């Protein structure tokens, strides 16, 4: 699905979500189960279970943000300059 504003999360939103995943990792380490973590952090059980699997296999580092999603732009710098000039 495409969104008119480009979709995805901003850097601030990604950082906030990453902090939630790190809280989940602390809770998993304390022995809480995914449904308990989901309730406490107000996230879906599906997310909590996915985070638990990632945490179990790769630790807290596995829950780090991977940055913005999607494919990198293929537009060359020269095209960007030309477009900026044409739009002005």
C-alpha atoms as a PDB file:
ATOM      1  CA  UNK A   1       0.000   0.000   0.000  1.00  0.00           C
ATOM      2  CA  UNK A   2       1.267   3.469  -0.839  1.00  0.00           C
ATOM      3  CA  UNK A   3       0.625   6.500   1.292  1.00  0.00           C
ATOM      4  CA  UNK A   4       0.379  10.040  -0.086  1.00  0.00           C
ATOM      5  CA  UNK A   5       2.964  11.349   2.377  1.00  0.00           C
ATOM      6  CA  UNK A   6       5.555   8.711   1.473  1.00  0.00           C
ATOM      7  CA  UNK A   7       4.505   6.319   4.219  1.00  0.00           C
ATOM      8  CA  UNK A   8       6.754   4.717   6.753  1.00  0.00           C
ATOM      9  CA  UNK A   9       7.987   6.190   9.989  1.00  0.00           C
ATOM     10  CA  UNK A  10      10.046   9.285  10.613  1.00  0.00           C
ATOM     11  CA  UNK A  11      13.416   8.976  12.341  1.00  0.00           C
ATOM     12  CA  UNK A  12      11.833  10.099  15.619  1.00  0.00           C
ATOM     13  CA  UNK A  13       9.064   7.511  15.326  1.00  0.00           C
ATOM     14  CA  UNK A  14      11.584   4.762  14.487  1.00  0.00           C
ATOM     15  CA  UNK A  15      13.627   5.699  17.579  1.00  0.00           C
ATOM     16  CA  UNK A  16      10.487   5.583  19.748  1.00  0.00           C
ATOM     17  CA  UNK A  17       9.560   2.147  18.405  1.00  0.00           C
ATOM     18  CA  UNK A  18      13.117   0.947  18.988  1.00  0.00           C
ATOM     19  CA  UNK A  19      12.903   2.054  22.644  1.00  0.00           C
ATOM     20  CA  UNK A  20       9.697   0.014  23.005  1.00  0.00           C
ATOM     21  CA  UNK A  21      11.455  -3.049  21.568  1.00  0.00           C
ATOM     22  CA  UNK A  22      14.348  -2.542  24.001  1.00  0.00           C
ATOM     23  CA  UNK A  23      11.851  -2.370  26.881  1.00  0.00           C
ATOM     24  CA  UNK A  24      10.426  -5.645  25.612  1.00  0.00           C
ATOM     25  CA  UNK A  25      13.925  -7.177  25.632  1.00  0.00           C
ATOM     26  CA  UNK A  26      14.356  -6.173  29.287  1.00  0.00           C
ATOM     27  CA  UNK A  27      11.004  -7.748  30.109  1.00  0.00           C
ATOM     28  CA  UNK A  28      11.910 -10.960  28.264  1.00  0.00           C
ATOM     29  CA  UNK A  29      15.187 -11.107  30.192  1.00  0.00           C
ATOM     30  CA  UNK A  30      13.188 -10.727  33.409  1.00  0.00           C
ATOM     31  CA  UNK A  31      11.168 -13.802  32.477  1.00  0.00           C
ATOM     32  CA  UNK A  32       7.939 -12.263  31.189  1.00  0.00           C
ATOM     33  CA  UNK A  33       6.120 -14.044  28.383  1.00  0.00           C
ATOM     34  CA  UNK A  34       5.173 -12.331  25.095  1.00  0.00           C
ATOM     35  CA  UNK A  35       1.459 -11.927  25.986  1.00  0.00           C
ATOM     36  CA  UNK A  36       2.440 -10.178  29.229  1.00  0.00           C
ATOM     37  CA  UNK A  37       4.868  -7.919  27.369  1.00  0.00           C
ATOM     38  CA  UNK A  38       2.213  -7.124  24.754  1.00  0.00           C
ATOM     39  CA  UNK A  39      -0.253  -6.084  27.442  1.00  0.00           C
ATOM     40  CA  UNK A  40       2.279  -4.023  29.384  1.00  0.00           C
ATOM     41  CA  UNK A  41       3.616  -2.181  26.326  1.00  0.00           C
ATOM     42  CA  UNK A  42       0.231  -1.956  24.578  1.00  0.00           C
ATOM     43  CA  UNK A  43       1.407  -3.661  21.393  1.00  0.00           C
ATOM     44  CA  UNK A  44      -0.014  -6.602  19.482  1.00  0.00           C
ATOM     45  CA  UNK A  45       0.746 -10.146  20.581  1.00  0.00           C
ATOM     46  CA  UNK A  46       2.059 -10.806  17.089  1.00  0.00           C
ATOM     47  CA  UNK A  47       4.693  -8.072  17.521  1.00  0.00           C
ATOM     48  CA  UNK A  48       5.610  -9.319  20.988  1.00  0.00           C
ATOM     49  CA  UNK A  49       6.058 -12.888  19.746  1.00  0.00           C
ATOM     50  CA  UNK A  50       8.148 -11.712  16.762  1.00  0.00           C
ATOM     51  CA  UNK A  51      10.327  -9.594  19.068  1.00  0.00           C
ATOM     52  CA  UNK A  52      10.700 -12.532  21.450  1.00  0.00           C
ATOM     53  CA  UNK A  53      11.938 -14.808  18.655  1.00  0.00           C
ATOM     54  CA  UNK A  54      14.370 -12.142  17.423  1.00  0.00           C
ATOM     55  CA  UNK A  55      15.568 -11.445  20.980  1.00  0.00           C
ATOM     56  CA  UNK A  56      16.050 -15.158  21.711  1.00  0.00           C
ATOM     57  CA  UNK A  57      18.074 -15.672  18.529  1.00  0.00           C
ATOM     58  CA  UNK A  58      20.085 -12.435  18.452  1.00  0.00           C
ATOM     59  CA  UNK A  59      19.734 -10.624  21.754  1.00  0.00           C
ATOM     60  CA  UNK A  60      18.915  -6.949  22.084  1.00  0.00           C
ATOM     61  CA  UNK A  61      20.914  -6.112  18.952  1.00  0.00           C
ATOM     62  CA  UNK A  62      18.398  -8.071  16.899  1.00  0.00           C
ATOM     63  CA  UNK A  63      15.737  -5.561  17.974  1.00  0.00           C
ATOM     64  CA  UNK A  64      17.630  -2.504  16.706  1.00  0.00           C
ATOM     65  CA  UNK A  65      16.038  -0.386  13.998  1.00  0.00           C
ATOM     66  CA  UNK A  66      17.234  -1.206  10.497  1.00  0.00           C
ATOM     67  CA  UNK A  67      16.530   2.326   9.294  1.00  0.00           C
ATOM     68  CA  UNK A  68      13.948   3.428   6.801  1.00  0.00           C
ATOM     69  CA  UNK A  69      12.420   0.723   4.689  1.00  0.00           C
ATOM     70  CA  UNK A  70      12.009   0.602   0.975  1.00  0.00           C
ATOM     71  CA  UNK A  71      14.317   0.807  -1.974  1.00  0.00           C
ATOM     72  CA  UNK A  72      16.868   3.601  -2.241  1.00  0.00           C
ATOM     73  CA  UNK A  73      16.182   6.203  -4.891  1.00  0.00           C
ATOM     74  CA  UNK A  74      17.821   5.525  -8.245  1.00  0.00           C
ATOM     75  CA  UNK A  75      17.702   9.192  -9.234  1.00  0.00           C
ATOM     76  CA  UNK A  76      21.193  10.443  -9.993  1.00  0.00           C
ATOM     77  CA  UNK A  77      22.485  13.671  -8.439  1.00  0.00           C
ATOM     78  CA  UNK A  78      22.653  15.355 -11.865  1.00  0.00           C
ATOM     79  CA  UNK A  79      18.968  14.597 -12.418  1.00  0.00           C
ATOM     80  CA  UNK A  80      18.109  16.060  -9.021  1.00  0.00           C
ATOM     81  CA  UNK A  81      19.955  19.275  -9.876  1.00  0.00           C
ATOM     82  CA  UNK A  82      18.228  19.504 -13.252  1.00  0.00           C
ATOM     83  CA  UNK A  83      14.812  18.873 -11.677  1.00  0.00           C
ATOM     84  CA  UNK A  84      15.384  21.473  -8.950  1.00  0.00           C
ATOM     85  CA  UNK A  85      16.288  24.035 -11.627  1.00  0.00           C
ATOM     86  CA  UNK A  86      13.299  23.114 -13.779  1.00  0.00           C
ATOM     87  CA  UNK A  87      10.922  23.444 -10.839  1.00  0.00           C
ATOM     88  CA  UNK A  88      12.227  26.890  -9.920  1.00  0.00           C
END
